[in-house]
Amino acid sequence: MHSRIRTHAAATAAPIPTASVLTASVLTAGLSAVLLALSACRDQPRPPPEFDGAGAFGYIQTQVGFGPRIPGTEAHSRMGDWLDSLLRQRADTVIVQSWKHVTATGDTLPLRNFIARFNPSAEKRLLLLAHWDSRPVADSPRSQDSTKPVIGANDGGSGVALLLGVADVLKRTPPTAGVDLLFVDGEDYGHFTEAPADVLIGSRYYAANQPAGPKPLYAVLFDLVADKDLQLYQEGNSLIGAPEVVELVWATAKDLDYGGYFISSPRHTLIDDHLELQKAGIRAIDVVDFDYPAWHTPDDTIDKVSAASLQVVGDVAVALVRRE
């Protein structure tokens, strides 16, 4: 990896607090039963998918239409207002975390996290998350112009679209378990090595200001999940920090015949929002396609992503919710 890469540079896994061990044990104890149930269901006819990949793709189109969603810009503010409105039409409860972040260069960024809660009184809870901001500069080594901002059709746009598609599903058919959809801000603003406080801002804020009540059984971060050439390898820090959650997610994908997309081997070890949650004792993993040539370039545009890829990952996300 290049030393200048911020979000997805090679990383040492965050230590997992002792408080998370009980949750890990519960998940591990239940995983064998879950895998057996998945195996038993493979030969049964599947109902039509609840998730609408084409509808989710439309959410990417809307986001791209705002322009780059860089914190401190009008496009970012408008995008946040749109997201807030959509979530209030779908979720049982919406929590908005608003704060100001002062960067290493002295800029003040108005930031917002959105937490859309379904079945908020449930003790058993799952957390699905994505970042909703886009990067100010296209500084990938592949980029032809590092002065331009990133459009973020895939990096930022796809994770939000996927969570909104899940919100549509849960609005139609409420979940048995509690589900929180977390949209974090300020993930992609700064430089990971030179100004690490200016990245992963929203997930760090959430980790320090979690809603009252039980912690989620686990969390799944969705990042870069709509590449037309979808390849989701198991991420290294996820395997270190929450291996039982990785196994559960990839087994669920295999049961849906998506094993060709969810590849059961490690490939990249990344710094991403899941690490901030791991530090707070949440069993968090990263579902991410880092084999995406347009990452952090001006070419991260709508023509690089597809409804079909969103359908694959959305089906897995909904299956995780329904199994609880």
Protein backbone atom coordinates (compact mmCIF):
# COMPACT_ATOMS: atom_id res chain seq x y z
CA MET A 1 0.00 0.00 0.00
CA HIS A 2 1.15 3.57 -0.63
CA SER A 3 2.12 5.52 2.49
CA ARG A 4 -0.12 8.40 1.45
CA ILE A 5 -3.29 6.29 1.31
CA ARG A 6 -5.53 7.28 4.18
CA THR A 7 -8.64 5.19 4.59
CA HIS A 8 -7.32 1.86 3.48
CA ALA A 9 -3.65 1.77 4.45
CA ALA A 10 -2.16 -1.35 6.03
CA ALA A 11 -3.05 -1.37 9.72
CA THR A 12 -2.40 -3.03 13.02
CA ALA A 13 -5.64 -4.33 14.48
CA ALA A 14 -7.16 -2.31 17.29
CA PRO A 15 -7.13 -4.11 20.64
CA ILE A 16 -10.51 -5.56 21.55
CA PRO A 17 -11.61 -4.61 25.09
CA THR A 18 -12.27 -7.40 27.55
CA ALA A 19 -15.92 -6.37 27.73
CA SER A 20 -16.41 -7.66 24.21
CA VAL A 21 -15.33 -11.20 24.99
CA LEU A 22 -18.76 -12.24 26.31
CA THR A 23 -20.46 -11.04 23.14
CA ALA A 24 -17.89 -12.90 21.06
CA SER A 25 -18.53 -16.07 23.05
CA VAL A 26 -22.27 -15.78 22.55
CA LEU A 27 -21.83 -15.25 18.83
CA THR A 28 -19.40 -18.14 18.52
CA ALA A 29 -21.66 -20.47 20.50
CA GLY A 30 -24.60 -19.67 18.28
CA LEU A 31 -22.74 -19.72 15.00
CA SER A 32 -22.68 -23.50 14.59
CA ALA A 33 -26.45 -23.66 14.98
CA VAL A 34 -26.87 -20.83 12.50
CA LEU A 35 -24.65 -22.51 9.93
CA LEU A 36 -26.57 -25.77 10.32
CA ALA A 37 -29.84 -23.92 9.79
CA LEU A 38 -28.46 -22.20 6.72
CA SER A 39 -27.35 -25.55 5.32
CA ALA A 40 -30.78 -27.08 5.93
CA CYS A 41 -32.46 -24.23 4.06
CA ARG A 42 -30.31 -24.44 0.93
CA ASP A 43 -32.51 -26.99 -0.81
CA GLN A 44 -35.74 -25.11 -0.14
CA PRO A 45 -37.21 -22.70 -2.72
CA ARG A 46 -36.28 -19.11 -1.99
CA PRO A 47 -38.86 -16.34 -1.81
CA PRO A 48 -38.40 -13.30 -4.05
CA PRO A 49 -35.72 -10.92 -2.72
CA GLU A 50 -36.90 -8.17 -0.41
CA PHE A 51 -34.05 -5.86 -1.36
CA ASP A 52 -34.42 -3.78 -4.52
CA GLY A 53 -31.04 -3.27 -6.18
CA ALA A 54 -32.45 -0.99 -8.86
CA GLY A 55 -34.07 1.21 -6.24
CA ALA A 56 -30.82 1.36 -4.29
CA PHE A 57 -28.97 2.35 -7.46
CA GLY A 58 -31.34 5.30 -7.73
CA TYR A 59 -30.09 6.45 -4.33
CA ILE A 60 -26.55 6.56 -5.73
CA GLN A 61 -27.78 8.66 -8.63
CA THR A 62 -29.37 11.14 -6.24
CA GLN A 63 -26.21 11.43 -4.15
CA VAL A 64 -24.01 11.99 -7.19
CA GLY A 65 -26.49 14.65 -8.29
CA PHE A 66 -25.63 16.71 -5.22
CA GLY A 67 -22.01 16.84 -6.35
CA PRO A 68 -19.07 15.98 -4.07
CA ARG A 69 -20.38 15.69 -0.49
CA ILE A 70 -17.39 17.33 1.19
CA PRO A 71 -17.93 18.50 4.79
CA GLY A 72 -18.33 22.25 4.94
CA THR A 73 -19.89 22.57 1.47
CA GLU A 74 -23.45 23.30 0.39
CA ALA A 75 -23.65 19.91 -1.36
CA HIS A 76 -22.76 18.17 1.90
CA SER A 77 -25.40 20.15 3.81
CA ARG A 78 -28.09 19.41 1.22
CA MET A 79 -27.19 15.74 1.16
CA GLY A 80 -27.47 15.56 4.95
CA ASP A 81 -30.89 17.21 4.92
CA TRP A 82 -32.09 14.78 2.22
CA LEU A 83 -30.79 11.82 4.19
CA ASP A 84 -32.45 13.05 7.37
CA SER A 85 -35.79 13.43 5.59
CA LEU A 86 -35.67 9.97 4.00
CA LEU A 87 -34.77 8.25 7.25
CA ARG A 88 -37.59 9.94 9.17
CA GLN A 89 -40.04 8.56 6.60
CA ARG A 90 -38.76 5.01 7.15
CA ALA A 91 -37.36 4.42 10.63
CA ASP A 92 -39.16 4.23 13.97
CA THR A 93 -36.71 6.71 15.47
CA VAL A 94 -33.94 8.87 14.03
CA ILE A 95 -31.12 10.22 16.19
CA VAL A 96 -28.98 13.01 14.75
CA GLN A 97 -25.57 13.55 16.31
CA SER A 98 -24.40 17.06 15.41
CA TRP A 99 -21.04 18.55 16.34
CA LYS A 100 -18.21 20.69 15.00
CA HIS A 101 -14.76 19.34 14.27
CA VAL A 102 -11.68 21.56 14.07
CA THR A 103 -9.15 20.13 11.63
CA ALA A 104 -5.38 20.12 11.88
CA THR A 105 -5.32 23.12 9.53
CA GLY A 106 -7.80 25.09 11.65
CA ASP A 107 -10.92 24.62 9.54
CA THR A 108 -14.20 24.06 11.40
CA LEU A 109 -16.42 21.35 9.92
CA PRO A 110 -20.12 21.01 10.82
CA LEU A 111 -20.72 17.26 10.93
CA ARG A 112 -23.73 14.99 11.44
CA ASN A 113 -24.17 11.30 12.11
CA PHE A 114 -27.61 9.80 11.48
CA ILE A 115 -28.84 6.76 13.41
CA ALA A 116 -32.03 5.24 12.00
CA ARG A 117 -33.51 2.85 14.57
CA PHE A 118 -35.96 0.05 13.84
CA ASN A 119 -37.66 -1.75 16.74
CA PRO A 120 -35.82 0.54 19.18
CA SER A 121 -37.07 -1.26 22.31
CA ALA A 122 -35.57 -4.63 21.31
CA GLU A 123 -32.75 -5.91 23.49
CA LYS A 124 -31.11 -7.87 20.68
CA ARG A 125 -29.69 -5.34 18.20
CA LEU A 126 -27.64 -5.28 15.01
CA LEU A 127 -25.69 -2.32 13.65
CA LEU A 128 -25.14 -1.70 9.93
CA LEU A 129 -23.14 1.35 8.91
CA ALA A 130 -21.59 3.34 6.07
CA HIS A 131 -20.02 6.78 5.62
CA TRP A 132 -21.95 9.45 3.73
CA ASP A 133 -19.28 12.07 3.01
CA SER A 134 -16.98 12.09 -0.01
CA ARG A 135 -13.28 12.86 -0.29
CA PRO A 136 -12.06 16.43 -0.96
CA VAL A 137 -9.10 15.41 -3.14
CA ALA A 138 -8.53 12.58 -5.59
CA ASP A 139 -5.13 11.62 -4.20
CA SER A 140 -4.87 7.99 -5.26
CA PRO A 141 -1.56 7.12 -6.95
CA ARG A 142 -3.72 6.19 -9.96
CA SER A 143 -5.33 9.63 -10.10
CA GLN A 144 -4.56 11.80 -13.14
CA ASP A 145 -5.51 14.99 -11.27
CA SER A 146 -5.05 15.06 -7.49
CA THR A 147 -6.54 18.56 -7.21
CA LYS A 148 -10.05 17.42 -8.10
CA PRO A 149 -12.58 16.15 -5.55
CA VAL A 150 -13.90 12.59 -5.61
CA ILE A 151 -17.46 12.17 -6.88
CA GLY A 152 -17.84 9.11 -4.65
CA ALA A 153 -20.38 7.04 -6.56
CA ASN A 154 -18.91 3.92 -4.97
CA ASP A 155 -16.80 5.35 -2.12
CA GLY A 156 -19.54 6.86 0.02
CA GLY A 157 -22.46 6.58 -2.38
CA SER A 158 -22.77 2.80 -2.45
CA GLY A 159 -22.80 2.21 1.30
CA VAL A 160 -25.45 4.87 1.83
CA ALA A 161 -27.55 3.46 -1.02
CA LEU A 162 -27.33 -0.02 0.44
CA LEU A 163 -28.45 1.12 3.90
CA LEU A 164 -31.32 3.13 2.42
CA GLY A 165 -32.38 0.02 0.51
CA VAL A 166 -32.36 -1.93 3.77
CA ALA A 167 -34.41 0.86 5.38
CA ASP A 168 -37.01 0.45 2.63
CA VAL A 169 -37.21 -3.28 3.38
CA LEU A 170 -37.57 -2.76 7.13
CA LYS A 171 -40.24 -0.11 6.65
CA ARG A 172 -42.34 -2.61 4.65
CA THR A 173 -41.70 -5.56 6.96
CA PRO A 174 -40.37 -4.58 10.40
CA PRO A 175 -37.58 -6.71 11.88
CA THR A 176 -37.90 -8.98 14.89
CA ALA A 177 -34.55 -7.83 16.24
CA GLY A 178 -33.59 -4.23 16.75
CA VAL A 179 -31.66 -2.73 13.85
CA ASP A 180 -29.65 0.48 13.80
CA LEU A 181 -28.55 1.95 10.49
CA LEU A 182 -25.66 4.33 11.14
CA PHE A 183 -24.55 6.91 8.59
CA VAL A 184 -21.23 8.37 9.73
CA ASP A 185 -19.79 11.69 8.61
CA GLY A 186 -16.22 12.82 8.07
CA GLU A 187 -14.71 9.42 7.29
CA ASP A 188 -12.83 10.58 4.23
CA TYR A 189 -11.83 14.17 4.95
CA GLY A 190 -8.16 14.19 5.90
CA HIS A 191 -4.90 12.31 5.66
CA PHE A 192 -4.50 9.10 7.60
CA THR A 193 -0.81 9.41 8.41
CA GLU A 194 -0.32 13.18 8.59
CA ALA A 195 -3.62 14.12 10.30
CA PRO A 196 -5.26 10.95 11.66
CA ALA A 197 -7.73 12.95 13.77
CA ASP A 198 -9.27 14.28 10.55
CA VAL A 199 -10.44 10.87 9.29
CA LEU A 200 -12.93 8.36 10.71
CA ILE A 201 -14.35 11.37 12.54
CA GLY A 202 -17.97 10.24 12.63
CA SER A 203 -17.30 6.67 13.72
CA ARG A 204 -14.99 7.93 16.46
CA TYR A 205 -17.71 10.33 17.64
CA TYR A 206 -20.34 7.59 17.60
CA ALA A 207 -18.08 5.23 19.56
CA ALA A 208 -17.75 7.87 22.29
CA ASN A 209 -21.45 8.84 22.22
CA GLN A 210 -23.42 5.64 21.69
CA PRO A 211 -27.19 5.63 22.28
CA ALA A 212 -28.33 4.38 25.66
CA GLY A 213 -29.23 0.71 25.87
CA PRO A 214 -27.65 -2.58 24.88
CA LYS A 215 -24.71 -2.67 22.53
CA PRO A 216 -25.25 -4.43 19.21
CA LEU A 217 -24.41 -8.11 18.91
CA TYR A 218 -22.17 -7.08 16.05
CA ALA A 219 -21.70 -4.39 13.42
CA VAL A 220 -21.10 -4.58 9.67
CA LEU A 221 -19.56 -1.68 7.77
CA PHE A 222 -20.37 -1.50 4.05
CA ASP A 223 -17.82 0.40 1.96
CA LEU A 224 -17.22 0.32 -1.81
CA VAL A 225 -19.91 -2.32 -2.40
CA ALA A 226 -21.28 -1.46 -5.86
CA ASP A 227 -18.31 -2.01 -8.17
CA LYS A 228 -19.48 -3.64 -11.41
CA ASP A 229 -16.67 -6.17 -10.90
CA LEU A 230 -17.62 -7.07 -7.34
CA GLN A 231 -14.95 -8.90 -5.31
CA LEU A 232 -15.41 -8.96 -1.54
CA TYR A 233 -12.44 -10.56 0.16
CA GLN A 234 -12.28 -10.97 3.93
CA GLU A 235 -10.61 -7.91 5.44
CA GLY A 236 -7.62 -8.49 7.72
CA ASN A 237 -8.56 -6.39 10.74
CA SER A 238 -12.04 -7.89 10.66
CA LEU A 239 -10.58 -11.39 10.83
CA ILE A 240 -8.44 -10.35 13.78
CA GLY A 241 -11.06 -8.35 15.66
CA ALA A 242 -14.29 -10.29 15.01
CA PRO A 243 -13.61 -13.52 13.09
CA GLU A 244 -16.94 -15.09 14.09
CA VAL A 245 -18.80 -12.19 12.45
CA VAL A 246 -16.78 -12.57 9.26
CA GLU A 247 -17.65 -16.27 9.22
CA LEU A 248 -21.33 -15.53 9.73
CA VAL A 249 -21.51 -12.94 6.94
CA TRP A 250 -19.61 -15.03 4.40
CA ALA A 251 -21.63 -18.16 5.29
CA THR A 252 -24.83 -16.17 4.76
CA ALA A 253 -23.58 -15.05 1.35
CA LYS A 254 -22.67 -18.61 0.41
CA ASP A 255 -26.16 -19.80 1.36
CA LEU A 256 -27.55 -17.22 -1.08
CA ASP A 257 -25.24 -18.58 -3.81
CA TYR A 258 -23.10 -15.45 -3.64
CA GLY A 259 -19.87 -17.24 -2.81
CA GLY A 260 -18.39 -16.04 -6.09
CA TYR A 261 -18.66 -12.45 -4.83
CA PHE A 262 -17.93 -13.00 -1.12
CA ILE A 263 -14.57 -14.71 -1.42
CA SER A 264 -13.55 -16.67 1.67
CA SER A 265 -9.92 -15.62 1.86
CA PRO A 266 -8.09 -12.52 3.14
CA ARG A 267 -6.57 -9.97 0.79
CA HIS A 268 -6.36 -6.47 2.30
CA THR A 269 -5.84 -5.14 5.82
CA LEU A 270 -7.45 -1.72 6.08
CA ILE A 271 -7.97 1.27 8.33
CA ASP A 272 -11.69 2.01 8.20
CA ASP A 273 -14.61 2.94 10.44
CA HIS A 274 -14.93 -0.56 11.89
CA LEU A 275 -11.72 -0.08 13.87
CA GLU A 276 -13.19 2.80 15.88
CA LEU A 277 -16.11 0.56 16.82
CA GLN A 278 -13.81 -2.31 17.72
CA LYS A 279 -11.98 0.00 20.12
CA ALA A 280 -15.32 0.66 21.83
CA GLY A 281 -15.99 -3.06 22.33
CA ILE A 282 -18.29 -3.63 19.34
CA ARG A 283 -17.69 -6.75 17.23
CA ALA A 284 -17.35 -4.84 13.96
CA ILE A 285 -16.20 -5.96 10.52
CA ASP A 286 -15.68 -4.34 7.13
CA VAL A 287 -17.39 -5.61 3.97
CA VAL A 288 -15.38 -3.79 1.31
CA ASP A 289 -14.25 -4.24 -2.29
CA PHE A 290 -10.82 -2.64 -2.25
CA ASP A 291 -9.97 -3.95 -5.72
CA TYR A 292 -11.59 -0.89 -7.26
CA PRO A 293 -9.35 1.01 -9.73
CA ALA A 294 -11.35 4.25 -9.47
CA TRP A 295 -10.88 4.54 -5.69
CA HIS A 296 -9.85 8.09 -4.71
CA THR A 297 -9.77 9.24 -8.33
CA PRO A 298 -12.08 11.57 -10.29
CA ASP A 299 -13.27 8.42 -12.10
CA ASP A 300 -15.33 7.13 -9.15
CA THR A 301 -18.46 7.90 -11.15
CA ILE A 302 -21.90 6.40 -11.71
CA ASP A 303 -20.80 4.34 -14.73
CA LYS A 304 -18.47 2.28 -12.50
CA VAL A 305 -21.23 0.93 -10.24
CA SER A 306 -24.20 -1.35 -10.77
CA ALA A 307 -27.60 -2.26 -9.37
CA ALA A 308 -26.63 -5.93 -9.69
CA SER A 309 -23.77 -5.55 -7.22
CA LEU A 310 -26.01 -3.66 -4.81
CA GLN A 311 -28.53 -6.50 -5.11
CA VAL A 312 -25.93 -9.05 -4.04
CA VAL A 313 -24.76 -7.17 -0.97
CA GLY A 314 -28.25 -5.95 -0.11
CA ASP A 315 -29.60 -9.49 -0.12
CA VAL A 316 -26.89 -10.51 2.33
CA ALA A 317 -27.56 -7.53 4.59
CA VAL A 318 -31.29 -8.30 4.72
CA ALA A 319 -30.61 -11.99 5.37
CA LEU A 320 -28.45 -11.05 8.36
CA VAL A 321 -31.33 -9.01 9.78
CA ARG A 322 -33.93 -11.71 9.14
CA ARG A 323 -31.91 -14.50 10.76
CA GLU A 324 -32.26 -12.72 14.11
